[in-house]
Amino acid sequence: MTFTAMGALFSVGSCMACTFRGKNDTFNEGIGGALAGIFWGLKTRSIHTVLVSSVGGAFFGFLSSYAVQSLSDESHSVNKYREKFAYFSPVSEASK
C-alpha cells in the first residue's frame, strides 16, 4: 500500500506542478518525487527522515526524467551514428 500511495503522490505532484507552472519539464518530476519522499518520511514520524527522503525523492525524480528526455532526444539517436560506423553499405531494392 505504501508504494501505491507513493506512486499516486508522484503522479499527482508532477501533474499539478505541470498545471501550475505551465511547463512540461524535468522539474515537475522532481516536485512529484519530493512529494512522494515526504510521504515516505511521514510514515517514520521523524522530521530528519522527511527532509532526507523528500530531497532524495526530488533528486531521483529529476534524474529519471532528465535521463529519459536526454535518451529520447534526436541528438542522441542511434540513427545519427548508423552511417558513420556502418561496415556494410545498405542494400537497396534496385540491386537485388
C-alpha atoms as a PDB file:
ATOM      1  CA  MET A   1       0.000   0.000   0.000  1.00  0.00           C
ATOM      2  CA  THR A   2       2.887   2.365   0.729  1.00  0.00           C
ATOM      3  CA  PHE A   3       4.401   2.164  -2.743  1.00  0.00           C
ATOM      4  CA  THR A   4       0.986   2.526  -4.336  1.00  0.00           C
ATOM      5  CA  ALA A   5       0.412   5.729  -2.402  1.00  0.00           C
ATOM      6  CA  MET A   6       3.904   6.967  -3.261  1.00  0.00           C
ATOM      7  CA  GLY A   7       3.288   6.324  -6.958  1.00  0.00           C
ATOM      8  CA  ALA A   8      -0.037   8.111  -6.785  1.00  0.00           C
ATOM      9  CA  LEU A   9       1.518  11.089  -4.983  1.00  0.00           C
ATOM     10  CA  PHE A  10       4.337  11.208  -7.506  1.00  0.00           C
ATOM     11  CA  SER A  11       1.848  11.313 -10.375  1.00  0.00           C
ATOM     12  CA  VAL A  12      -0.410  13.861  -8.704  1.00  0.00           C
ATOM     13  CA  GLY A  13       2.542  16.046  -7.716  1.00  0.00           C
ATOM     14  CA  SER A  14       4.110  16.061 -11.152  1.00  0.00           C
ATOM     15  CA  CYS A  15       0.772  16.700 -12.908  1.00  0.00           C
ATOM     16  CA  MET A  16      -0.140  19.515 -10.530  1.00  0.00           C
ATOM     17  CA  ALA A  17       3.300  21.056 -10.952  1.00  0.00           C
ATOM     18  CA  CYS A  18       2.852  20.933 -14.721  1.00  0.00           C
ATOM     19  CA  THR A  19      -0.549  22.583 -14.414  1.00  0.00           C
ATOM     20  CA  PHE A  20       0.541  25.334 -12.024  1.00  0.00           C
ATOM     21  CA  ARG A  21       3.878  26.065 -13.689  1.00  0.00           C
ATOM     22  CA  GLY A  22       2.541  25.832 -17.237  1.00  0.00           C
ATOM     23  CA  LYS A  23       5.649  23.934 -18.371  1.00  0.00           C
ATOM     24  CA  ASN A  24       6.336  20.280 -19.030  1.00  0.00           C
ATOM     25  CA  ASP A  25       9.952  19.779 -17.996  1.00  0.00           C
ATOM     26  CA  THR A  26      12.111  17.774 -15.625  1.00  0.00           C
ATOM     27  CA  PHE A  27      11.384  19.916 -12.577  1.00  0.00           C
ATOM     28  CA  ASN A  28       7.809  18.645 -12.461  1.00  0.00           C
ATOM     29  CA  GLU A  29       9.011  15.105 -11.800  1.00  0.00           C
ATOM     30  CA  GLY A  30      11.362  16.465  -9.152  1.00  0.00           C
ATOM     31  CA  ILE A  31       8.411  18.067  -7.396  1.00  0.00           C
ATOM     32  CA  GLY A  32       6.468  14.811  -7.643  1.00  0.00           C
ATOM     33  CA  GLY A  33       9.443  12.905  -6.258  1.00  0.00           C
ATOM     34  CA  ALA A  34       9.700  15.313  -3.343  1.00  0.00           C
ATOM     35  CA  LEU A  35       6.020  14.799  -2.553  1.00  0.00           C
ATOM     36  CA  ALA A  36       6.439  11.013  -2.626  1.00  0.00           C
ATOM     37  CA  GLY A  37       9.537  11.335  -0.433  1.00  0.00           C
ATOM     38  CA  ILE A  38       7.633  13.440   2.091  1.00  0.00           C
ATOM     39  CA  PHE A  39       5.017  10.689   2.346  1.00  0.00           C
ATOM     40  CA  TRP A  40       7.740   8.081   2.904  1.00  0.00           C
ATOM     41  CA  GLY A  41       9.292  10.225   5.619  1.00  0.00           C
ATOM     42  CA  LEU A  42       5.971  10.914   7.355  1.00  0.00           C
ATOM     43  CA  LYS A  43       5.483   7.196   7.881  1.00  0.00           C
ATOM     44  CA  THR A  44       8.514   7.207  10.199  1.00  0.00           C
ATOM     45  CA  ARG A  45       7.338  10.329  12.080  1.00  0.00           C
ATOM     46  CA  SER A  46      10.812  11.852  12.016  1.00  0.00           C
ATOM     47  CA  ILE A  47      11.468  15.317  10.613  1.00  0.00           C
ATOM     48  CA  HIS A  48      15.005  14.297   9.633  1.00  0.00           C
ATOM     49  CA  THR A  49      13.693  11.381   7.574  1.00  0.00           C
ATOM     50  CA  VAL A  50      11.056  13.624   5.983  1.00  0.00           C
ATOM     51  CA  LEU A  51      13.708  16.096   4.844  1.00  0.00           C
ATOM     52  CA  VAL A  52      16.172  13.483   3.610  1.00  0.00           C
ATOM     53  CA  SER A  53      13.569  11.420   1.776  1.00  0.00           C
ATOM     54  CA  SER A  54      11.996  14.484   0.138  1.00  0.00           C
ATOM     55  CA  VAL A  55      15.385  15.659  -1.156  1.00  0.00           C
ATOM     56  CA  GLY A  56      16.203  12.122  -2.285  1.00  0.00           C
ATOM     57  CA  GLY A  57      12.837  11.728  -3.978  1.00  0.00           C
ATOM     58  CA  ALA A  58      13.229  15.058  -5.748  1.00  0.00           C
ATOM     59  CA  PHE A  59      16.732  14.104  -6.888  1.00  0.00           C
ATOM     60  CA  PHE A  60      15.711  10.723  -8.275  1.00  0.00           C
ATOM     61  CA  GLY A  61      12.553  12.128  -9.864  1.00  0.00           C
ATOM     62  CA  PHE A  62      14.578  14.831 -11.599  1.00  0.00           C
ATOM     63  CA  LEU A  63      17.343  12.386 -12.572  1.00  0.00           C
ATOM     64  CA  SER A  64      14.998   9.811 -14.083  1.00  0.00           C
ATOM     65  CA  SER A  65      13.103  12.435 -16.068  1.00  0.00           C
ATOM     66  CA  TYR A  66      16.314  14.025 -17.296  1.00  0.00           C
ATOM     67  CA  ALA A  67      17.719  10.654 -18.363  1.00  0.00           C
ATOM     68  CA  VAL A  68      14.582   9.697 -20.267  1.00  0.00           C
ATOM     69  CA  GLN A  69      14.422  13.052 -22.046  1.00  0.00           C
ATOM     70  CA  SER A  70      18.106  13.048 -22.956  1.00  0.00           C
ATOM     71  CA  LEU A  71      17.999   9.476 -24.264  1.00  0.00           C
ATOM     72  CA  SER A  72      14.919  10.139 -26.352  1.00  0.00           C
ATOM     73  CA  ASP A  73      16.382  13.327 -27.836  1.00  0.00           C
ATOM     74  CA  GLU A  74      17.246  13.176 -31.542  1.00  0.00           C
ATOM     75  CA  SER A  75      20.819  14.319 -30.946  1.00  0.00           C
ATOM     76  CA  HIS A  76      21.498  11.095 -29.008  1.00  0.00           C
ATOM     77  CA  SER A  77      19.762   8.874 -31.501  1.00  0.00           C
ATOM     78  CA  VAL A  78      21.402   5.736 -32.829  1.00  0.00           C
ATOM     79  CA  ASN A  79      20.474   6.779 -36.366  1.00  0.00           C
ATOM     80  CA  LYS A  80      22.943   9.644 -36.099  1.00  0.00           C
ATOM     81  CA  TYR A  81      25.840   7.190 -35.911  1.00  0.00           C
ATOM     82  CA  ARG A  82      24.470   4.476 -38.175  1.00  0.00           C
ATOM     83  CA  GLU A  83      26.174   5.725 -41.347  1.00  0.00           C
ATOM     84  CA  LYS A  84      29.375   6.685 -39.575  1.00  0.00           C
ATOM     85  CA  PHE A  85      30.006   3.255 -38.085  1.00  0.00           C
ATOM     86  CA  ALA A  86      28.350   1.075 -40.713  1.00  0.00           C
ATOM     87  CA  TYR A  87      30.669  -1.631 -42.037  1.00  0.00           C
ATOM     88  CA  PHE A  88      28.445  -2.554 -44.930  1.00  0.00           C
ATOM     89  CA  SER A  89      26.533  -0.245 -47.153  1.00  0.00           C
ATOM     90  CA  PRO A  90      22.778  -0.760 -47.078  1.00  0.00           C
ATOM     91  CA  VAL A  91      21.379  -2.951 -49.804  1.00  0.00           C
ATOM     92  CA  SER A  92      18.985  -1.085 -51.996  1.00  0.00           C
ATOM     93  CA  GLU A  93      15.950  -2.636 -53.632  1.00  0.00           C
ATOM     94  CA  ALA A  94      17.350  -1.930 -57.133  1.00  0.00           C
ATOM     95  CA  SER A  95      20.480  -4.044 -56.615  1.00  0.00           C
ATOM     96  CA  LYS A  96      18.568  -7.174 -55.566  1.00  0.00           C
END
